[in-house]
Amino acid sequence: MSLLDRKVRGFRLVDLLALGLLVVLILGVYLAKTMAGRERAQIAQVERQIAAEKARIRLLQAEVSHLEQPARIERLSTAYLGLKPVTVKREAKVEALPAIAAPAPPPKPSTKPEEAPAPKLDPTLVAEAPEPVPGNGQ
């Protein structure tokens, strides 16, 4: 009797091996499809995150372009810092740049000692200061 003709409980051994192989293949395909579905869901989630980040980047770029508008910066510098456009008299020529960049001479010491100015206190801060509590031991 050959291996192909051998019977186990009424079934040929070849048929049992083919059935076992078929079950293994079915389980393998099922597991592969399940893992592919999970990966597909993860890919879709990552693509949604990328789209959201791209939208946020576009929004931030629009905000930066708004904040960097020269007219807006000029308006803010005038309003808050009191800056004004440079007049023609204040413009420097290229030849004058080394003289402008040269360090200023040190100040001459005065013969009369000056008193240090007393620090000015903000009246609103002084009014908000807590009163000392007597008998506190401090």
C-alpha atoms as a PDB file:
ATOM      1  CA  MET A   1       0.000   0.000   0.000  1.00  0.00           C
ATOM      2  CA  SER A   2       1.293   3.405  -0.918  1.00  0.00           C
ATOM      3  CA  LEU A   3       1.101   6.592   1.122  1.00  0.00           C
ATOM      4  CA  LEU A   4      -1.575   8.005  -1.173  1.00  0.00           C
ATOM      5  CA  ASP A   5      -3.841   5.026  -0.774  1.00  0.00           C
ATOM      6  CA  ARG A   6      -3.563   4.768   2.993  1.00  0.00           C
ATOM      7  CA  LYS A   7      -6.840   5.411   4.856  1.00  0.00           C
ATOM      8  CA  VAL A   8      -7.349   6.951   8.285  1.00  0.00           C
ATOM      9  CA  ARG A   9     -10.848   6.355   9.730  1.00  0.00           C
ATOM     10  CA  GLY A  10     -12.321   5.971   6.310  1.00  0.00           C
ATOM     11  CA  PHE A  11     -10.586   8.961   4.665  1.00  0.00           C
ATOM     12  CA  ARG A  12      -7.570   8.810   2.467  1.00  0.00           C
ATOM     13  CA  LEU A  13      -4.511  10.500   3.991  1.00  0.00           C
ATOM     14  CA  VAL A  14      -4.103  12.735   0.933  1.00  0.00           C
ATOM     15  CA  ASP A  15      -7.647  14.052   1.383  1.00  0.00           C
ATOM     16  CA  LEU A  16      -6.992  14.835   5.055  1.00  0.00           C
ATOM     17  CA  LEU A  17      -3.754  16.658   4.216  1.00  0.00           C
ATOM     18  CA  ALA A  18      -5.503  18.674   1.469  1.00  0.00           C
ATOM     19  CA  LEU A  19      -8.318  19.585   3.899  1.00  0.00           C
ATOM     20  CA  GLY A  20      -5.786  20.704   6.533  1.00  0.00           C
ATOM     21  CA  LEU A  21      -3.904  22.770   3.954  1.00  0.00           C
ATOM     22  CA  LEU A  22      -7.196  24.333   2.809  1.00  0.00           C
ATOM     23  CA  VAL A  23      -8.084  25.319   6.404  1.00  0.00           C
ATOM     24  CA  VAL A  24      -4.625  26.851   6.921  1.00  0.00           C
ATOM     25  CA  LEU A  25      -4.949  28.822   3.675  1.00  0.00           C
ATOM     26  CA  ILE A  26      -8.414  30.095   4.627  1.00  0.00           C
ATOM     27  CA  LEU A  27      -7.167  31.247   8.052  1.00  0.00           C
ATOM     28  CA  GLY A  28      -4.097  32.883   6.457  1.00  0.00           C
ATOM     29  CA  VAL A  29      -6.205  34.835   3.941  1.00  0.00           C
ATOM     30  CA  TYR A  30      -8.621  35.906   6.701  1.00  0.00           C
ATOM     31  CA  LEU A  31      -5.765  37.164   8.917  1.00  0.00           C
ATOM     32  CA  ALA A  32      -4.090  38.951   5.981  1.00  0.00           C
ATOM     33  CA  LYS A  33      -7.354  40.740   5.084  1.00  0.00           C
ATOM     34  CA  THR A  34      -7.924  41.717   8.723  1.00  0.00           C
ATOM     35  CA  MET A  35      -4.425  43.167   9.063  1.00  0.00           C
ATOM     36  CA  ALA A  36      -4.756  44.967   5.715  1.00  0.00           C
ATOM     37  CA  GLY A  37      -8.059  46.510   6.869  1.00  0.00           C
ATOM     38  CA  ARG A  38      -6.407  47.793  10.055  1.00  0.00           C
ATOM     39  CA  GLU A  39      -3.521  49.245   8.098  1.00  0.00           C
ATOM     40  CA  ARG A  40      -5.951  50.852   5.649  1.00  0.00           C
ATOM     41  CA  ALA A  41      -7.765  52.510   8.588  1.00  0.00           C
ATOM     42  CA  GLN A  42      -4.453  53.748  10.006  1.00  0.00           C
ATOM     43  CA  ILE A  43      -3.427  55.120   6.612  1.00  0.00           C
ATOM     44  CA  ALA A  44      -6.747  56.956   6.296  1.00  0.00           C
ATOM     45  CA  GLN A  45      -6.294  58.440   9.776  1.00  0.00           C
ATOM     46  CA  VAL A  46      -2.755  59.610   8.963  1.00  0.00           C
ATOM     47  CA  GLU A  47      -3.977  61.127   5.691  1.00  0.00           C
ATOM     48  CA  ARG A  48      -6.688  63.040   7.607  1.00  0.00           C
ATOM     49  CA  GLN A  49      -4.046  64.305  10.043  1.00  0.00           C
ATOM     50  CA  ILE A  50      -1.846  65.397   7.124  1.00  0.00           C
ATOM     51  CA  ALA A  51      -4.773  67.254   5.532  1.00  0.00           C
ATOM     52  CA  ALA A  52      -5.537  68.981   8.852  1.00  0.00           C
ATOM     53  CA  GLU A  53      -1.877  69.979   9.288  1.00  0.00           C
ATOM     54  CA  LYS A  54      -1.749  71.337   5.729  1.00  0.00           C
ATOM     55  CA  ALA A  55      -4.863  73.411   6.418  1.00  0.00           C
ATOM     56  CA  ARG A  56      -3.269  74.714   9.623  1.00  0.00           C
ATOM     57  CA  ILE A  57      -0.057  75.553   7.743  1.00  0.00           C
ATOM     58  CA  ARG A  58      -2.042  77.505   5.146  1.00  0.00           C
ATOM     59  CA  LEU A  59      -3.864  79.353   7.935  1.00  0.00           C
ATOM     60  CA  LEU A  60      -0.593  80.214   9.699  1.00  0.00           C
ATOM     61  CA  GLN A  61       1.004  81.354   6.442  1.00  0.00           C
ATOM     62  CA  ALA A  62      -1.972  83.635   5.806  1.00  0.00           C
ATOM     63  CA  GLU A  63      -1.642  85.025   9.334  1.00  0.00           C
ATOM     64  CA  VAL A  64       2.091  85.629   8.871  1.00  0.00           C
ATOM     65  CA  SER A  65       1.518  87.398   5.563  1.00  0.00           C
ATOM     66  CA  HIS A  66      -1.093  89.600   7.273  1.00  0.00           C
ATOM     67  CA  LEU A  67       1.205  90.371  10.203  1.00  0.00           C
ATOM     68  CA  GLU A  68       4.158  91.183   7.917  1.00  0.00           C
ATOM     69  CA  GLN A  69       2.320  93.707   5.746  1.00  0.00           C
ATOM     70  CA  PRO A  70       4.519  96.807   5.501  1.00  0.00           C
ATOM     71  CA  ALA A  71       1.562  99.186   5.894  1.00  0.00           C
ATOM     72  CA  ARG A  72       0.488  97.448   9.109  1.00  0.00           C
ATOM     73  CA  ILE A  73       4.014  97.455  10.539  1.00  0.00           C
ATOM     74  CA  GLU A  74       4.404 101.140   9.675  1.00  0.00           C
ATOM     75  CA  ARG A  75       1.055 101.932  11.320  1.00  0.00           C
ATOM     76  CA  LEU A  76       2.024 100.053  14.501  1.00  0.00           C
ATOM     77  CA  SER A  77       5.503 101.590  14.663  1.00  0.00           C
ATOM     78  CA  THR A  78       4.018 105.049  14.382  1.00  0.00           C
ATOM     79  CA  ALA A  79       1.221 104.443  16.867  1.00  0.00           C
ATOM     80  CA  TYR A  80       3.075 102.546  19.620  1.00  0.00           C
ATOM     81  CA  LEU A  81       6.724 103.481  19.229  1.00  0.00           C
ATOM     82  CA  GLY A  82       6.391 106.972  17.821  1.00  0.00           C
ATOM     83  CA  LEU A  83       8.684 106.131  14.903  1.00  0.00           C
ATOM     84  CA  LYS A  84       8.533 108.238  11.780  1.00  0.00           C
ATOM     85  CA  PRO A  85       9.982 107.787   8.307  1.00  0.00           C
ATOM     86  CA  VAL A  86      13.632 108.759   7.943  1.00  0.00           C
ATOM     87  CA  THR A  87      14.105 112.194   6.441  1.00  0.00           C
ATOM     88  CA  VAL A  88      16.526 112.832   3.617  1.00  0.00           C
ATOM     89  CA  LYS A  89      18.836 114.697   5.998  1.00  0.00           C
ATOM     90  CA  ARG A  90      19.176 111.568   8.192  1.00  0.00           C
ATOM     91  CA  GLU A  91      20.036 109.171   5.374  1.00  0.00           C
ATOM     92  CA  ALA A  92      23.665 108.088   5.266  1.00  0.00           C
ATOM     93  CA  LYS A  93      25.782 107.544   2.198  1.00  0.00           C
ATOM     94  CA  VAL A  94      27.928 104.477   1.727  1.00  0.00           C
ATOM     95  CA  GLU A  95      31.139 106.473   2.277  1.00  0.00           C
ATOM     96  CA  ALA A  96      29.926 107.645   5.707  1.00  0.00           C
ATOM     97  CA  LEU A  97      29.233 104.162   7.099  1.00  0.00           C
ATOM     98  CA  PRO A  98      32.746 103.550   8.571  1.00  0.00           C
ATOM     99  CA  ALA A  99      32.542 106.830  10.506  1.00  0.00           C
ATOM    100  CA  ILE A 100      29.087 105.938  11.811  1.00  0.00           C
ATOM    101  CA  ALA A 101      30.209 102.461  12.847  1.00  0.00           C
ATOM    102  CA  ALA A 102      33.302 103.740  14.717  1.00  0.00           C
ATOM    103  CA  PRO A 103      32.960 103.445  18.509  1.00  0.00           C
ATOM    104  CA  ALA A 104      32.060 106.637  20.359  1.00  0.00           C
ATOM    105  CA  PRO A 105      34.796 108.124  22.542  1.00  0.00           C
ATOM    106  CA  PRO A 106      34.408 107.385  26.271  1.00  0.00           C
ATOM    107  CA  PRO A 107      32.674 110.124  28.278  1.00  0.00           C
ATOM    108  CA  LYS A 108      34.946 112.526  30.152  1.00  0.00           C
ATOM    109  CA  PRO A 109      34.731 112.238  33.937  1.00  0.00           C
ATOM    110  CA  SER A 110      33.200 115.297  35.497  1.00  0.00           C
ATOM    111  CA  THR A 111      34.972 117.147  38.278  1.00  0.00           C
ATOM    112  CA  LYS A 112      31.829 117.430  40.351  1.00  0.00           C
ATOM    113  CA  PRO A 113      30.374 114.140  41.678  1.00  0.00           C
ATOM    114  CA  GLU A 114      26.764 113.732  40.808  1.00  0.00           C
ATOM    115  CA  GLU A 115      24.190 112.347  43.163  1.00  0.00           C
ATOM    116  CA  ALA A 116      22.400 109.245  42.060  1.00  0.00           C
ATOM    117  CA  PRO A 117      18.792 110.053  41.270  1.00  0.00           C
ATOM    118  CA  ALA A 118      16.302 108.705  43.766  1.00  0.00           C
ATOM    119  CA  PRO A 119      14.168 105.944  42.352  1.00  0.00           C
ATOM    120  CA  LYS A 120      10.693 107.047  41.457  1.00  0.00           C
ATOM    121  CA  LEU A 121       7.880 104.994  42.936  1.00  0.00           C
ATOM    122  CA  ASP A 122       4.745 104.362  41.006  1.00  0.00           C
ATOM    123  CA  PRO A 123       1.883 105.838  43.090  1.00  0.00           C
ATOM    124  CA  THR A 124      -0.451 103.017  42.077  1.00  0.00           C
ATOM    125  CA  LEU A 125       1.966 100.412  43.425  1.00  0.00           C
ATOM    126  CA  VAL A 126       2.452 102.313  46.660  1.00  0.00           C
ATOM    127  CA  ALA A 127      -1.303 102.549  47.148  1.00  0.00           C
ATOM    128  CA  GLU A 128      -1.685  98.794  46.610  1.00  0.00           C
ATOM    129  CA  ALA A 129       1.037  97.849  49.124  1.00  0.00           C
ATOM    130  CA  PRO A 130      -0.328  96.058  52.213  1.00  0.00           C
ATOM    131  CA  GLU A 131      -0.220  97.871  55.520  1.00  0.00           C
ATOM    132  CA  PRO A 132       2.079  96.383  58.187  1.00  0.00           C
ATOM    133  CA  VAL A 133       0.266  94.575  60.962  1.00  0.00           C
ATOM    134  CA  PRO A 134       1.438  95.663  64.454  1.00  0.00           C
ATOM    135  CA  GLY A 135       2.300  92.952  66.998  1.00  0.00           C
ATOM    136  CA  ASN A 136       3.025  90.487  64.262  1.00  0.00           C
ATOM    137  CA  GLY A 137       6.557  89.837  65.535  1.00  0.00           C
ATOM    138  CA  GLN A 138       8.147  90.946  62.291  1.00  0.00           C
END
